[in-house]
């Protein structure tokens, strides 16, 4: 059975960070960056979708926002997978042939 793209794009880590944490808690990007010990540009790039959440940042966000590091890893992985599958489109025919004979 072929896997298909999700019906809609998953929320990006930055969108979740902004909409579900910073806005409700009324925390600025600068305040979060200072609190977790990263440059404000790290947070700004994540929020604007120009940077991935690294393992180090995931752990820092988890401690600061009372979440699990795995939460941030899963959110990042979901958007990474979506982007890869979106760029790939259909699997190459060579992969499909191999799969049918296996």
C-alpha atoms as a PDB file:
ATOM      1  CA  UNK A   1       0.000   0.000   0.000  1.00  0.00           C
ATOM      2  CA  UNK A   2       1.394   3.392  -0.996  1.00  0.00           C
ATOM      3  CA  UNK A   3       1.651   6.097   1.591  1.00  0.00           C
ATOM      4  CA  UNK A   4       0.127   9.409   0.655  1.00  0.00           C
ATOM      5  CA  UNK A   5       0.719  12.919   1.881  1.00  0.00           C
ATOM      6  CA  UNK A   6      -1.280  14.019   4.880  1.00  0.00           C
ATOM      7  CA  UNK A   7      -4.452  15.870   3.918  1.00  0.00           C
ATOM      8  CA  UNK A   8      -3.046  19.083   5.282  1.00  0.00           C
ATOM      9  CA  UNK A   9       0.303  20.469   6.225  1.00  0.00           C
ATOM     10  CA  UNK A  10       1.163  19.791   9.881  1.00  0.00           C
ATOM     11  CA  UNK A  11       1.716  22.763  12.146  1.00  0.00           C
ATOM     12  CA  UNK A  12       5.318  23.853  12.181  1.00  0.00           C
ATOM     13  CA  UNK A  13       7.268  23.907  15.430  1.00  0.00           C
ATOM     14  CA  UNK A  14       7.452  27.688  15.188  1.00  0.00           C
ATOM     15  CA  UNK A  15       3.717  28.045  14.731  1.00  0.00           C
ATOM     16  CA  UNK A  16       3.088  25.821  17.756  1.00  0.00           C
ATOM     17  CA  UNK A  17       5.670  27.698  19.799  1.00  0.00           C
ATOM     18  CA  UNK A  18       4.103  31.033  18.949  1.00  0.00           C
ATOM     19  CA  UNK A  19       0.386  30.135  19.016  1.00  0.00           C
ATOM     20  CA  UNK A  20       0.296  27.649  21.873  1.00  0.00           C
ATOM     21  CA  UNK A  21       3.001  28.963  24.156  1.00  0.00           C
ATOM     22  CA  UNK A  22       4.287  32.487  23.581  1.00  0.00           C
ATOM     23  CA  UNK A  23       0.966  34.179  22.819  1.00  0.00           C
ATOM     24  CA  UNK A  24      -1.102  32.562  25.599  1.00  0.00           C
ATOM     25  CA  UNK A  25       1.682  33.078  28.141  1.00  0.00           C
ATOM     26  CA  UNK A  26       2.316  36.624  26.873  1.00  0.00           C
ATOM     27  CA  UNK A  27       6.018  35.913  26.495  1.00  0.00           C
ATOM     28  CA  UNK A  28       8.088  37.664  23.854  1.00  0.00           C
ATOM     29  CA  UNK A  29      10.608  35.906  21.668  1.00  0.00           C
ATOM     30  CA  UNK A  30      13.334  37.868  23.462  1.00  0.00           C
ATOM     31  CA  UNK A  31      12.112  36.803  26.893  1.00  0.00           C
ATOM     32  CA  UNK A  32      12.054  33.142  25.862  1.00  0.00           C
ATOM     33  CA  UNK A  33      15.470  33.379  24.227  1.00  0.00           C
ATOM     34  CA  UNK A  34      16.979  34.980  27.328  1.00  0.00           C
ATOM     35  CA  UNK A  35      15.309  32.437  29.601  1.00  0.00           C
ATOM     36  CA  UNK A  36      16.636  29.401  27.730  1.00  0.00           C
ATOM     37  CA  UNK A  37      20.021  30.931  26.933  1.00  0.00           C
ATOM     38  CA  UNK A  38      19.887  31.261  23.159  1.00  0.00           C
ATOM     39  CA  UNK A  39      20.156  34.217  20.824  1.00  0.00           C
ATOM     40  CA  UNK A  40      16.814  35.789  19.931  1.00  0.00           C
ATOM     41  CA  UNK A  41      17.523  34.989  16.280  1.00  0.00           C
ATOM     42  CA  UNK A  42      17.332  31.263  17.097  1.00  0.00           C
ATOM     43  CA  UNK A  43      13.769  31.672  18.355  1.00  0.00           C
ATOM     44  CA  UNK A  44      12.857  34.101  15.569  1.00  0.00           C
ATOM     45  CA  UNK A  45      14.114  31.724  12.860  1.00  0.00           C
ATOM     46  CA  UNK A  46      12.193  28.815  14.364  1.00  0.00           C
ATOM     47  CA  UNK A  47       9.001  30.861  14.560  1.00  0.00           C
ATOM     48  CA  UNK A  48       9.410  32.072  10.983  1.00  0.00           C
ATOM     49  CA  UNK A  49      10.139  28.566   9.668  1.00  0.00           C
ATOM     50  CA  UNK A  50      13.713  29.302   8.689  1.00  0.00           C
ATOM     51  CA  UNK A  51      15.353  26.995  11.247  1.00  0.00           C
ATOM     52  CA  UNK A  52      14.716  23.551  12.658  1.00  0.00           C
ATOM     53  CA  UNK A  53      14.468  22.781  16.329  1.00  0.00           C
ATOM     54  CA  UNK A  54      17.726  21.137  17.293  1.00  0.00           C
ATOM     55  CA  UNK A  55      18.023  18.551  20.062  1.00  0.00           C
ATOM     56  CA  UNK A  56      19.614  21.132  22.349  1.00  0.00           C
ATOM     57  CA  UNK A  57      16.844  23.664  21.778  1.00  0.00           C
ATOM     58  CA  UNK A  58      14.192  20.943  22.162  1.00  0.00           C
ATOM     59  CA  UNK A  59      15.540  20.065  25.600  1.00  0.00           C
ATOM     60  CA  UNK A  60      15.708  23.726  26.609  1.00  0.00           C
ATOM     61  CA  UNK A  61      12.153  24.384  25.397  1.00  0.00           C
ATOM     62  CA  UNK A  62      10.932  21.288  27.219  1.00  0.00           C
ATOM     63  CA  UNK A  63      12.334  22.476  30.527  1.00  0.00           C
ATOM     64  CA  UNK A  64      11.166  26.056  30.057  1.00  0.00           C
ATOM     65  CA  UNK A  65       7.656  25.248  28.824  1.00  0.00           C
ATOM     66  CA  UNK A  66       6.959  22.114  30.881  1.00  0.00           C
ATOM     67  CA  UNK A  67       6.777  19.829  27.870  1.00  0.00           C
ATOM     68  CA  UNK A  68       8.777  16.760  26.880  1.00  0.00           C
ATOM     69  CA  UNK A  69      11.730  17.003  24.507  1.00  0.00           C
ATOM     70  CA  UNK A  70      10.024  14.277  22.448  1.00  0.00           C
ATOM     71  CA  UNK A  71       7.100  16.622  21.845  1.00  0.00           C
ATOM     72  CA  UNK A  72       9.405  19.028  20.004  1.00  0.00           C
ATOM     73  CA  UNK A  73      11.202  16.181  18.193  1.00  0.00           C
ATOM     74  CA  UNK A  74       7.879  14.780  16.952  1.00  0.00           C
ATOM     75  CA  UNK A  75       6.619  18.169  15.796  1.00  0.00           C
ATOM     76  CA  UNK A  76       9.884  18.793  13.932  1.00  0.00           C
ATOM     77  CA  UNK A  77       9.884  15.304  12.419  1.00  0.00           C
ATOM     78  CA  UNK A  78       6.294  15.677  11.207  1.00  0.00           C
ATOM     79  CA  UNK A  79       7.026  18.889   9.300  1.00  0.00           C
ATOM     80  CA  UNK A  80      10.352  17.522   7.989  1.00  0.00           C
ATOM     81  CA  UNK A  81       8.616  14.409   6.664  1.00  0.00           C
ATOM     82  CA  UNK A  82       5.832  16.445   5.098  1.00  0.00           C
ATOM     83  CA  UNK A  83       8.340  18.692   3.306  1.00  0.00           C
ATOM     84  CA  UNK A  84      10.350  15.730   1.991  1.00  0.00           C
ATOM     85  CA  UNK A  85       7.282  13.877   0.732  1.00  0.00           C
ATOM     86  CA  UNK A  86       5.924  17.091  -0.796  1.00  0.00           C
ATOM     87  CA  UNK A  87       9.186  17.588  -2.736  1.00  0.00           C
ATOM     88  CA  UNK A  88       9.436  13.930  -3.752  1.00  0.00           C
ATOM     89  CA  UNK A  89       5.889  13.554  -4.972  1.00  0.00           C
ATOM     90  CA  UNK A  90       5.264   9.979  -6.034  1.00  0.00           C
ATOM     91  CA  UNK A  91       7.902   7.390  -5.172  1.00  0.00           C
ATOM     92  CA  UNK A  92      10.266   6.594  -8.057  1.00  0.00           C
ATOM     93  CA  UNK A  93       9.110   3.688 -10.226  1.00  0.00           C
ATOM     94  CA  UNK A  94      12.283   1.762  -9.342  1.00  0.00           C
ATOM     95  CA  UNK A  95      11.227   1.743  -5.678  1.00  0.00           C
ATOM     96  CA  UNK A  96       7.725   0.621  -6.547  1.00  0.00           C
ATOM     97  CA  UNK A  97       9.025  -2.276  -8.684  1.00  0.00           C
ATOM     98  CA  UNK A  98      11.356  -3.414  -5.898  1.00  0.00           C
ATOM     99  CA  UNK A  99       8.529  -3.315  -3.419  1.00  0.00           C
ATOM    100  CA  UNK A 100       6.249  -5.456  -5.591  1.00  0.00           C
ATOM    101  CA  UNK A 101       8.887  -8.172  -5.994  1.00  0.00           C
ATOM    102  CA  UNK A 102       9.943  -8.255  -2.345  1.00  0.00           C
END
